[in-house]
Protein backbone atom coordinates (compact mmCIF):
# COMPACT_ATOMS: atom_id res chain seq x y z
CA MET A 1 132.10 95.03 143.12
CA GLN A 2 133.35 98.19 141.40
CA ALA A 3 135.13 99.58 144.45
CA LEU A 4 137.40 96.53 144.70
CA GLU A 5 138.12 96.64 140.97
CA ARG A 6 139.05 100.34 141.08
CA LEU A 7 141.22 99.80 144.13
CA ALA A 8 143.00 96.87 142.44
CA GLN A 9 143.67 98.98 139.35
CA ARG A 10 145.11 101.74 141.49
CA ASP A 11 147.36 99.19 143.23
CA CYS A 12 148.33 97.56 139.86
CA ALA A 13 147.00 94.26 141.20
CA GLN A 14 144.38 91.68 140.33
CA PRO A 15 140.99 92.18 142.02
CA LEU A 16 140.48 90.23 145.22
CA PRO A 17 138.21 87.19 145.23
CA LEU A 18 134.99 87.63 147.17
CA PRO A 19 134.19 87.67 150.01
CA ALA A 20 136.49 90.51 151.01
CA LEU A 21 136.65 93.27 153.60
CA LEU A 22 136.91 96.86 152.37
CA ALA A 23 138.22 99.84 154.33
CA GLU A 24 136.93 103.24 153.30
CA VAL A 25 138.14 106.65 154.41
CA ARG A 26 135.69 109.50 153.83
CA GLY A 27 133.73 107.29 151.43
CA LEU A 28 136.73 106.32 149.27
CA PRO A 29 138.06 102.74 149.13
CA ARG A 30 141.59 102.69 150.53
CA ALA A 31 142.39 99.06 151.39
CA ALA A 32 140.88 95.59 151.11
CA CYS A 33 141.59 92.10 152.40
CA SER A 34 140.39 88.79 150.97
CA LEU A 35 138.63 86.45 153.39
CA GLN A 36 139.53 83.39 151.31
CA ARG A 37 143.20 84.07 150.70
CA ALA A 38 145.84 85.93 152.66
CA ARG A 39 145.96 88.74 150.11
CA THR A 40 145.49 92.49 150.40
CA ILE A 41 145.35 95.49 148.10
CA ALA A 42 145.70 99.15 149.01
CA ASP A 43 145.81 102.65 147.59
CA PRO A 44 149.53 103.36 147.06
CA PHE A 45 148.92 107.13 147.29
CA PHE A 46 147.36 107.02 150.77
CA PRO A 47 148.80 105.84 154.12
CA THR A 48 147.17 102.42 154.59
CA ALA A 49 149.42 100.40 156.93
CA HIS A 50 147.02 100.86 159.86
CA LEU A 51 144.02 99.99 157.66
CA LEU A 52 145.65 96.79 156.40
CA GLU A 53 146.52 95.78 159.96
CA LEU A 54 142.91 96.26 161.09
CA LEU A 55 141.51 94.43 158.06
CA GLU A 56 143.83 91.45 158.57
CA LEU A 57 142.96 91.32 162.28
CA HIS A 58 139.25 91.39 161.49
CA ALA A 59 139.64 88.74 158.76
CA ARG A 60 141.47 86.42 161.19
CA ALA A 61 138.73 86.89 163.78
CA LEU A 62 136.00 86.13 161.23
CA ASN A 63 137.82 83.04 159.98
CA ALA A 64 138.37 81.78 163.54
CA ALA A 65 134.72 82.36 164.42
CA SER A 66 133.53 80.44 161.37
CA LYS A 67 135.71 77.45 162.33
CA THR A 68 134.56 77.37 165.98
CA PRO A 69 131.86 74.76 166.50
CA ARG A 70 128.63 76.07 167.92
CA ARG A 71 127.72 74.83 171.38
CA GLN A 72 124.80 72.46 171.43
CA CYS A 73 121.96 72.86 173.89
CA GLN A 74 122.89 70.99 177.08
CA ARG A 75 119.38 69.85 178.00
CA PRO A 76 117.01 68.30 175.53
CA VAL A 77 114.08 70.37 174.40
CA THR A 78 110.79 68.82 175.42
CA SER A 79 107.47 69.22 173.69
CA ARG A 80 105.53 69.94 176.87
CA PRO A 81 106.24 72.69 179.37
CA ARG A 82 107.63 71.86 182.78
CA GLN A 83 105.21 71.60 185.69
CA ARG A 84 105.71 74.13 188.43
CA ALA A 85 106.32 72.68 191.85
CA GLU A 86 103.57 73.54 194.29
CA ALA A 87 104.53 75.73 197.19
CA PRO A 88 104.46 73.99 200.58
CA PRO A 89 101.50 74.86 202.79
CA PRO A 90 102.15 77.70 205.24
CA VAL A 91 103.37 76.64 208.65
CA ALA A 92 101.07 77.60 211.50
CA ALA A 93 102.73 79.86 213.99
CA SER A 94 102.78 78.49 217.52
CA PRO A 95 101.71 80.87 220.25
CA ALA A 96 104.59 82.46 222.08
CA THR A 97 104.65 81.54 225.72
């Protein structure tokens, strides 16, 4: 990914391993965070503290979600549809006396 490579050069750092999150401001890469390692890079000529904080928060959420086991279906899936219960017959009204 060229954007990560350019950003790493600007930060005098090694490019981040993929997958990574990239923050852009007005179409320009300003900060990035690796999803595999706790490592970030950022444009040293642009205020990026808030971007790095958001990227790290998002990376933690993604990592936590990938480690959370998926819930299994509680009832077994059957091959035939369920039968509908028949409605009870209407009750005859008794004459009011």
